[in-house]
C-alpha atoms as a PDB file:
ATOM      1  CA  UNK A   1       6.746 -18.006  -7.507  1.00  0.00           C
ATOM      2  CA  UNK A   2      10.865 -17.885  -8.155  1.00  0.00           C
ATOM      3  CA  UNK A   3      13.036 -20.412  -5.935  1.00  0.00           C
ATOM      4  CA  UNK A   4      15.552 -19.232  -3.640  1.00  0.00           C
ATOM      5  CA  UNK A   5      18.379 -21.079  -6.080  1.00  0.00           C
ATOM      6  CA  UNK A   6      17.028 -18.933  -9.040  1.00  0.00           C
ATOM      7  CA  UNK A   7      17.840 -15.937  -7.056  1.00  0.00           C
ATOM      8  CA  UNK A   8      20.748 -16.872  -5.636  1.00  0.00           C
ATOM      9  CA  UNK A   9      21.755 -17.570  -9.267  1.00  0.00           C
ATOM     10  CA  UNK A  10      20.913 -14.675 -10.354  1.00  0.00           C
ATOM     11  CA  UNK A  11      22.281 -12.711  -7.880  1.00  0.00           C
ATOM     12  CA  UNK A  12      25.771 -14.184  -8.471  1.00  0.00           C
ATOM     13  CA  UNK A  13      25.413 -13.613 -12.117  1.00  0.00           C
ATOM     14  CA  UNK A  14      24.473 -10.240 -11.488  1.00  0.00           C
ATOM     15  CA  UNK A  15      27.465  -9.379  -9.247  1.00  0.00           C
ATOM     16  CA  UNK A  16      29.905 -11.100 -11.880  1.00  0.00           C
ATOM     17  CA  UNK A  17      31.879  -9.062 -14.202  1.00  0.00           C
ATOM     18  CA  UNK A  18      34.055 -11.343 -14.992  1.00  0.00           C
ATOM     19  CA  UNK A  19      34.673 -10.654 -19.273  1.00  0.00           C
ATOM     20  CA  UNK A  20      32.927 -13.735 -21.145  1.00  0.00           C
ATOM     21  CA  UNK A  21      32.652 -14.298 -24.958  1.00  0.00           C
ATOM     22  CA  UNK A  22      29.615 -13.182 -26.818  1.00  0.00           C
ATOM     23  CA  UNK A  23      27.969 -16.508 -26.568  1.00  0.00           C
ATOM     24  CA  UNK A  24      28.281 -17.064 -22.421  1.00  0.00           C
ATOM     25  CA  UNK A  25      27.626 -13.814 -22.129  1.00  0.00           C
ATOM     26  CA  UNK A  26      24.291 -13.833 -23.990  1.00  0.00           C
ATOM     27  CA  UNK A  27      23.088 -16.943 -21.845  1.00  0.00           C
ATOM     28  CA  UNK A  28      24.127 -15.203 -18.543  1.00  0.00           C
ATOM     29  CA  UNK A  29      22.131 -12.401 -19.837  1.00  0.00           C
ATOM     30  CA  UNK A  30      19.110 -14.520 -20.370  1.00  0.00           C
ATOM     31  CA  UNK A  31      19.306 -16.011 -17.168  1.00  0.00           C
ATOM     32  CA  UNK A  32      19.417 -12.631 -15.351  1.00  0.00           C
ATOM     33  CA  UNK A  33      16.714 -11.709 -17.108  1.00  0.00           C
ATOM     34  CA  UNK A  34      14.209 -14.703 -17.534  1.00  0.00           C
ATOM     35  CA  UNK A  35      15.600 -17.695 -16.233  1.00  0.00           C
ATOM     36  CA  UNK A  36      14.292 -20.069 -13.676  1.00  0.00           C
ATOM     37  CA  UNK A  37      15.967 -23.051 -12.134  1.00  0.00           C
ATOM     38  CA  UNK A  38      13.846 -25.055  -9.711  1.00  0.00           C
ATOM     39  CA  UNK A  39      14.999 -26.071  -6.116  1.00  0.00           C
ATOM     40  CA  UNK A  40      17.373 -29.361  -7.163  1.00  0.00           C
ATOM     41  CA  UNK A  41      16.658 -30.662  -3.534  1.00  0.00           C
ATOM     42  CA  UNK A  42      13.189 -31.263  -5.299  1.00  0.00           C
ATOM     43  CA  UNK A  43      13.529 -31.859  -8.897  1.00  0.00           C
ATOM     44  CA  UNK A  44      15.853 -30.441 -11.687  1.00  0.00           C
ATOM     45  CA  UNK A  45      14.328 -28.055 -14.106  1.00  0.00           C
ATOM     46  CA  UNK A  46      15.746 -25.148 -15.855  1.00  0.00           C
ATOM     47  CA  UNK A  47      13.972 -22.703 -18.054  1.00  0.00           C
ATOM     48  CA  UNK A  48      14.095 -19.060 -20.164  1.00  0.00           C
ATOM     49  CA  UNK A  49      11.237 -17.151 -21.052  1.00  0.00           C
ATOM     50  CA  UNK A  50      12.048 -15.331 -24.075  1.00  0.00           C
ATOM     51  CA  UNK A  51      10.760 -14.275 -27.882  1.00  0.00           C
ATOM     52  CA  UNK A  52      11.227 -16.299 -30.485  1.00  0.00           C
ATOM     53  CA  UNK A  53      14.859 -14.856 -32.176  1.00  0.00           C
ATOM     54  CA  UNK A  54      16.341 -15.007 -28.491  1.00  0.00           C
ATOM     55  CA  UNK A  55      14.957 -18.241 -27.889  1.00  0.00           C
ATOM     56  CA  UNK A  56      16.148 -19.704 -31.169  1.00  0.00           C
ATOM     57  CA  UNK A  57      19.481 -18.518 -30.664  1.00  0.00           C
ATOM     58  CA  UNK A  58      19.384 -19.285 -27.098  1.00  0.00           C
ATOM     59  CA  UNK A  59      18.902 -23.288 -28.355  1.00  0.00           C
ATOM     60  CA  UNK A  60      21.703 -22.863 -31.125  1.00  0.00           C
ATOM     61  CA  UNK A  61      24.166 -21.442 -28.362  1.00  0.00           C
ATOM     62  CA  UNK A  62      23.117 -24.318 -25.749  1.00  0.00           C
ATOM     63  CA  UNK A  63      23.048 -26.543 -28.597  1.00  0.00           C
ATOM     64  CA  UNK A  64      26.858 -25.448 -29.479  1.00  0.00           C
ATOM     65  CA  UNK A  65      27.780 -26.106 -25.752  1.00  0.00           C
ATOM     66  CA  UNK A  66      26.877 -30.005 -25.827  1.00  0.00           C
ATOM     67  CA  UNK A  67      23.789 -29.679 -24.529  1.00  0.00           C
ATOM     68  CA  UNK A  68      20.190 -30.778 -25.698  1.00  0.00           C
ATOM     69  CA  UNK A  69      17.682 -27.521 -25.188  1.00  0.00           C
ATOM     70  CA  UNK A  70      13.965 -28.096 -25.823  1.00  0.00           C
ATOM     71  CA  UNK A  71      11.629 -25.231 -27.042  1.00  0.00           C
ATOM     72  CA  UNK A  72       7.570 -24.718 -26.624  1.00  0.00           C
ATOM     73  CA  UNK A  73       5.413 -21.495 -27.284  1.00  0.00           C
ATOM     74  CA  UNK A  74       3.709 -20.008 -23.878  1.00  0.00           C
ATOM     75  CA  UNK A  75       1.751 -17.581 -23.557  1.00  0.00           C
ATOM     76  CA  UNK A  76       3.281 -15.393 -26.292  1.00  0.00           C
ATOM     77  CA  UNK A  77       6.902 -16.182 -25.711  1.00  0.00           C
ATOM     78  CA  UNK A  78       8.974 -18.937 -26.339  1.00  0.00           C
ATOM     79  CA  UNK A  79      10.395 -21.327 -23.582  1.00  0.00           C
ATOM     80  CA  UNK A  80      13.333 -22.962 -23.703  1.00  0.00           C
ATOM     81  CA  UNK A  81      14.218 -25.437 -21.024  1.00  0.00           C
ATOM     82  CA  UNK A  82      16.607 -28.176 -19.718  1.00  0.00           C
ATOM     83  CA  UNK A  83      15.161 -30.613 -17.446  1.00  0.00           C
ATOM     84  CA  UNK A  84      18.579 -33.223 -16.900  1.00  0.00           C
ATOM     85  CA  UNK A  85      20.587 -32.206 -13.904  1.00  0.00           C
ATOM     86  CA  UNK A  86      23.867 -32.858 -15.765  1.00  0.00           C
ATOM     87  CA  UNK A  87      22.616 -30.169 -18.419  1.00  0.00           C
ATOM     88  CA  UNK A  88      21.891 -27.952 -15.523  1.00  0.00           C
ATOM     89  CA  UNK A  89      25.066 -27.801 -13.973  1.00  0.00           C
ATOM     90  CA  UNK A  90      26.825 -27.626 -17.144  1.00  0.00           C
ATOM     91  CA  UNK A  91      24.689 -24.298 -17.797  1.00  0.00           C
ATOM     92  CA  UNK A  92      25.813 -22.896 -14.848  1.00  0.00           C
ATOM     93  CA  UNK A  93      29.232 -23.834 -15.755  1.00  0.00           C
ATOM     94  CA  UNK A  94      28.946 -21.689 -18.769  1.00  0.00           C
ATOM     95  CA  UNK A  95      27.649 -18.747 -17.301  1.00  0.00           C
ATOM     96  CA  UNK A  96      30.598 -19.001 -14.624  1.00  0.00           C
ATOM     97  CA  UNK A  97      28.203 -19.261 -12.042  1.00  0.00           C
ATOM     98  CA  UNK A  98      30.851 -21.520  -9.881  1.00  0.00           C
ATOM     99  CA  UNK A  99      29.012 -20.701  -6.206  1.00  0.00           C
ATOM    100  CA  UNK A 100      25.930 -22.080  -7.343  1.00  0.00           C
ATOM    101  CA  UNK A 101      26.990 -24.433  -8.814  1.00  0.00           C
ATOM    102  CA  UNK A 102      28.809 -26.043  -6.035  1.00  0.00           C
ATOM    103  CA  UNK A 103      25.712 -25.818  -4.354  1.00  0.00           C
ATOM    104  CA  UNK A 104      23.831 -27.172  -6.713  1.00  0.00           C
ATOM    105  CA  UNK A 105      26.505 -30.113  -7.023  1.00  0.00           C
ATOM    106  CA  UNK A 106      26.019 -30.635  -2.780  1.00  0.00           C
ATOM    107  CA  UNK A 107      21.993 -30.407  -3.014  1.00  0.00           C
ATOM    108  CA  UNK A 108      22.217 -33.191  -5.972  1.00  0.00           C
ATOM    109  CA  UNK A 109      24.519 -35.048  -3.675  1.00  0.00           C
ATOM    110  CA  UNK A 110      22.119 -35.076  -0.626  1.00  0.00           C
ATOM    111  CA  UNK A 111      19.341 -35.917  -3.035  1.00  0.00           C
ATOM    112  CA  UNK A 112      20.698 -38.985  -4.283  1.00  0.00           C
ATOM    113  CA  UNK A 113      21.960 -39.865  -0.679  1.00  0.00           C
ATOM    114  CA  UNK A 114      18.601 -39.345   0.826  1.00  0.00           C
ATOM    115  CA  UNK A 115      16.551 -41.321  -2.353  1.00  0.00           C
ATOM    116  CA  UNK A 116      18.779 -44.209  -1.914  1.00  0.00           C
ATOM    117  CA  UNK A 117      18.221 -44.724   1.662  1.00  0.00           C
ATOM    118  CA  UNK A 118      14.583 -44.610   0.906  1.00  0.00           C
ATOM    119  CA  UNK A 119      15.035 -47.097  -1.893  1.00  0.00           C
ATOM    120  CA  UNK A 120      16.518 -49.278   0.675  1.00  0.00           C
ATOM    121  CA  UNK A 121      14.061 -48.659   3.602  1.00  0.00           C
ATOM    122  CA  UNK A 122      10.889 -48.998   0.720  1.00  0.00           C
ATOM    123  CA  UNK A 123      13.202 -52.868  -0.488  1.00  0.00           C
ATOM    124  CA  UNK A 124      13.672 -53.944   3.178  1.00  0.00           C
ATOM    125  CA  UNK A 125      10.022 -53.000   4.238  1.00  0.00           C
ATOM    126  CA  UNK A 126       8.532 -55.034   1.178  1.00  0.00           C
ATOM    127  CA  UNK A 127      10.491 -58.077   2.407  1.00  0.00           C
ATOM    128  CA  UNK A 128       9.659 -57.862   5.860  1.00  0.00           C
ATOM    129  CA  UNK A 129       6.252 -57.602   4.790  1.00  0.00           C
ATOM    130  CA  UNK A 130       6.474 -60.579   2.368  1.00  0.00           C
ATOM    131  CA  UNK A 131       8.090 -62.645   5.447  1.00  0.00           C
ATOM    132  CA  UNK A 132       5.325 -61.611   7.750  1.00  0.00           C
ATOM    133  CA  UNK A 133       2.798 -62.710   4.767  1.00  0.00           C
ATOM    134  CA  UNK A 134       4.606 -65.643   4.856  1.00  0.00           C
ATOM    135  CA  UNK A 135       4.698 -66.469   8.047  1.00  0.00           C
ATOM    136  CA  UNK A 136       1.189 -65.957   8.837  1.00  0.00           C
ATOM    137  CA  UNK A 137       0.062 -68.138   6.277  1.00  0.00           C
ATOM    138  CA  UNK A 138       2.379 -70.924   7.543  1.00  0.00           C
ATOM    139  CA  UNK A 139       0.734 -70.346  11.057  1.00  0.00           C
ATOM    140  CA  UNK A 140      -2.843 -70.785   9.474  1.00  0.00           C
ATOM    141  CA  UNK A 141      -1.603 -73.949   7.931  1.00  0.00           C
ATOM    142  CA  UNK A 142      -0.329 -75.418  10.971  1.00  0.00           C
ATOM    143  CA  UNK A 143      -3.132 -74.466  12.699  1.00  0.00           C
ATOM    144  CA  UNK A 144      -5.729 -75.891  10.383  1.00  0.00           C
ATOM    145  CA  UNK A 145      -3.219 -79.412  10.566  1.00  0.00           C
ATOM    146  CA  UNK A 146      -3.689 -79.262  14.083  1.00  0.00           C
ATOM    147  CA  UNK A 147      -7.246 -78.800  14.334  1.00  0.00           C
ATOM    148  CA  UNK A 148      -8.411 -81.307  11.468  1.00  0.00           C
ATOM    149  CA  UNK A 149      -5.995 -84.605  12.236  1.00  0.00           C
ATOM    150  CA  UNK A 150      -3.510 -83.573  14.843  1.00  0.00           C
ATOM    151  CA  UNK A 151      -0.025 -82.317  14.480  1.00  0.00           C
ATOM    152  CA  UNK A 152       1.136 -86.157  14.992  1.00  0.00           C
ATOM    153  CA  UNK A 153      -0.611 -86.401  11.300  1.00  0.00           C
ATOM    154  CA  UNK A 154       2.991 -85.187  10.250  1.00  0.00           C
ATOM    155  CA  UNK A 155       6.207 -86.498  10.015  1.00  0.00           C
ATOM    156  CA  UNK A 156       8.832 -86.479  12.751  1.00  0.00           C
ATOM    157  CA  UNK A 157      10.399 -83.261  11.287  1.00  0.00           C
ATOM    158  CA  UNK A 158       7.583 -81.445   9.973  1.00  0.00           C
ATOM    159  CA  UNK A 159       5.650 -81.620  13.250  1.00  0.00           C
ATOM    160  CA  UNK A 160       9.226 -80.708  15.081  1.00  0.00           C
ATOM    161  CA  UNK A 161       8.970 -77.509  12.704  1.00  0.00           C
ATOM    162  CA  UNK A 162       5.462 -76.830  12.837  1.00  0.00           C
ATOM    163  CA  UNK A 163       5.553 -76.907  17.148  1.00  0.00           C
ATOM    164  CA  UNK A 164       8.384 -74.406  16.820  1.00  0.00           C
ATOM    165  CA  UNK A 165       6.516 -72.075  14.305  1.00  0.00           C
ATOM    166  CA  UNK A 166       3.643 -71.878  16.397  1.00  0.00           C
ATOM    167  CA  UNK A 167       5.812 -71.584  19.636  1.00  0.00           C
ATOM    168  CA  UNK A 168       7.666 -68.651  17.748  1.00  0.00           C
ATOM    169  CA  UNK A 169       5.649 -66.827  15.817  1.00  0.00           C
ATOM    170  CA  UNK A 170       7.959 -63.912  15.313  1.00  0.00           C
ATOM    171  CA  UNK A 171      11.381 -65.525  14.436  1.00  0.00           C
ATOM    172  CA  UNK A 172      12.884 -65.684  11.558  1.00  0.00           C
ATOM    173  CA  UNK A 173      13.011 -68.920  10.251  1.00  0.00           C
ATOM    174  CA  UNK A 174      17.129 -69.380  10.205  1.00  0.00           C
ATOM    175  CA  UNK A 175      16.031 -68.738  14.162  1.00  0.00           C
ATOM    176  CA  UNK A 176      13.594 -71.272  14.076  1.00  0.00           C
ATOM    177  CA  UNK A 177      16.366 -73.689  12.164  1.00  0.00           C
ATOM    178  CA  UNK A 178      18.619 -73.171  15.110  1.00  0.00           C
ATOM    179  CA  UNK A 179      16.553 -74.334  17.799  1.00  0.00           C
ATOM    180  CA  UNK A 180      15.811 -78.179  15.534  1.00  0.00           C
ATOM    181  CA  UNK A 181      17.727 -80.988  16.929  1.00  0.00           C
ATOM    182  CA  UNK A 182      19.798 -81.419  15.053  1.00  0.00           C
ATOM    183  CA  UNK A 183      20.084 -77.609  13.747  1.00  0.00           C
ATOM    184  CA  UNK A 184      19.122 -77.428  10.047  1.00  0.00           C
ATOM    185  CA  UNK A 185      19.540 -74.189   7.858  1.00  0.00           C
ATOM    186  CA  UNK A 186      16.896 -71.586   6.736  1.00  0.00           C
ATOM    187  CA  UNK A 187      16.518 -73.436   3.362  1.00  0.00           C
ATOM    188  CA  UNK A 188      16.049 -76.558   5.325  1.00  0.00           C
ATOM    189  CA  UNK A 189      13.181 -75.212   7.498  1.00  0.00           C
ATOM    190  CA  UNK A 190      11.251 -73.347   4.731  1.00  0.00           C
ATOM    191  CA  UNK A 191      11.266 -76.740   2.450  1.00  0.00           C
ATOM    192  CA  UNK A 192       9.785 -78.037   5.521  1.00  0.00           C
ATOM    193  CA  UNK A 193       7.018 -75.695   5.951  1.00  0.00           C
ATOM    194  CA  UNK A 194       6.468 -75.520   2.020  1.00  0.00           C
ATOM    195  CA  UNK A 195       5.794 -79.232   2.502  1.00  0.00           C
ATOM    196  CA  UNK A 196       3.585 -78.501   5.644  1.00  0.00           C
ATOM    197  CA  UNK A 197       1.417 -75.350   3.643  1.00  0.00           C
ATOM    198  CA  UNK A 198       1.205 -78.278   1.113  1.00  0.00           C
ATOM    199  CA  UNK A 199      -0.277 -81.037   2.970  1.00  0.00           C
ATOM    200  CA  UNK A 200      -2.715 -78.183   4.611  1.00  0.00           C
ATOM    201  CA  UNK A 201      -4.470 -77.843   1.036  1.00  0.00           C
ATOM    202  CA  UNK A 202      -4.811 -80.945   0.343  1.00  0.00           C
ATOM    203  CA  UNK A 203      -6.347 -81.533   3.842  1.00  0.00           C
ATOM    204  CA  UNK A 204      -8.507 -79.154   2.788  1.00  0.00           C
ATOM    205  CA  UNK A 205      -9.276 -80.256  -0.570  1.00  0.00           C
ATOM    206  CA  UNK A 206     -10.432 -83.577   0.884  1.00  0.00           C
ATOM    207  CA  UNK A 207     -12.330 -81.973   3.672  1.00  0.00           C
ATOM    208  CA  UNK A 208     -14.137 -79.884   0.942  1.00  0.00           C
ATOM    209  CA  UNK A 209     -12.776 -76.556   2.193  1.00  0.00           C
ATOM    210  CA  UNK A 210     -10.905 -76.073  -1.616  1.00  0.00           C
END
């Protein structure tokens, strides 16, 4: 199926009567007759389907413009294609499809912004999941200590952190640190919780749980 973007480019080129040198005109005519470009908001792909002689000529011309087209045989024809966004934009410049180029660049920017947002969301989600898993492990360790030997088994500073963690399961380490007396930083809270988890592991080994 020919994308709406391909149709828009072909329409612009067909209506553009601007005089071009033979090489640019050849690329333009190839696009009008067989050029297909994917929707830039989804992927980047531009191809021409030609006879062998025409494909070889097109590869030579595009290479002369500093591009790196690839060629392969398909169904009795030869496909010349480009997959880099910058090179597709350059082809649009070569054939003077200025309106289509502006649309292409706008869609590229929108796609880049969307991808950056998705990467940020995925990163933050991964960090959140990691934090939740760590909190659950800490709560389980504290619960085991409480059931097996009691929280008073811990030192005063560790017992304080253990009780605060149990009472505030959804709080961040920094927030828990603000509740201690005196307050401690995030790294201090994390250090104490690591000690608690290690003590729980040692108790489990002593009692034959691990």
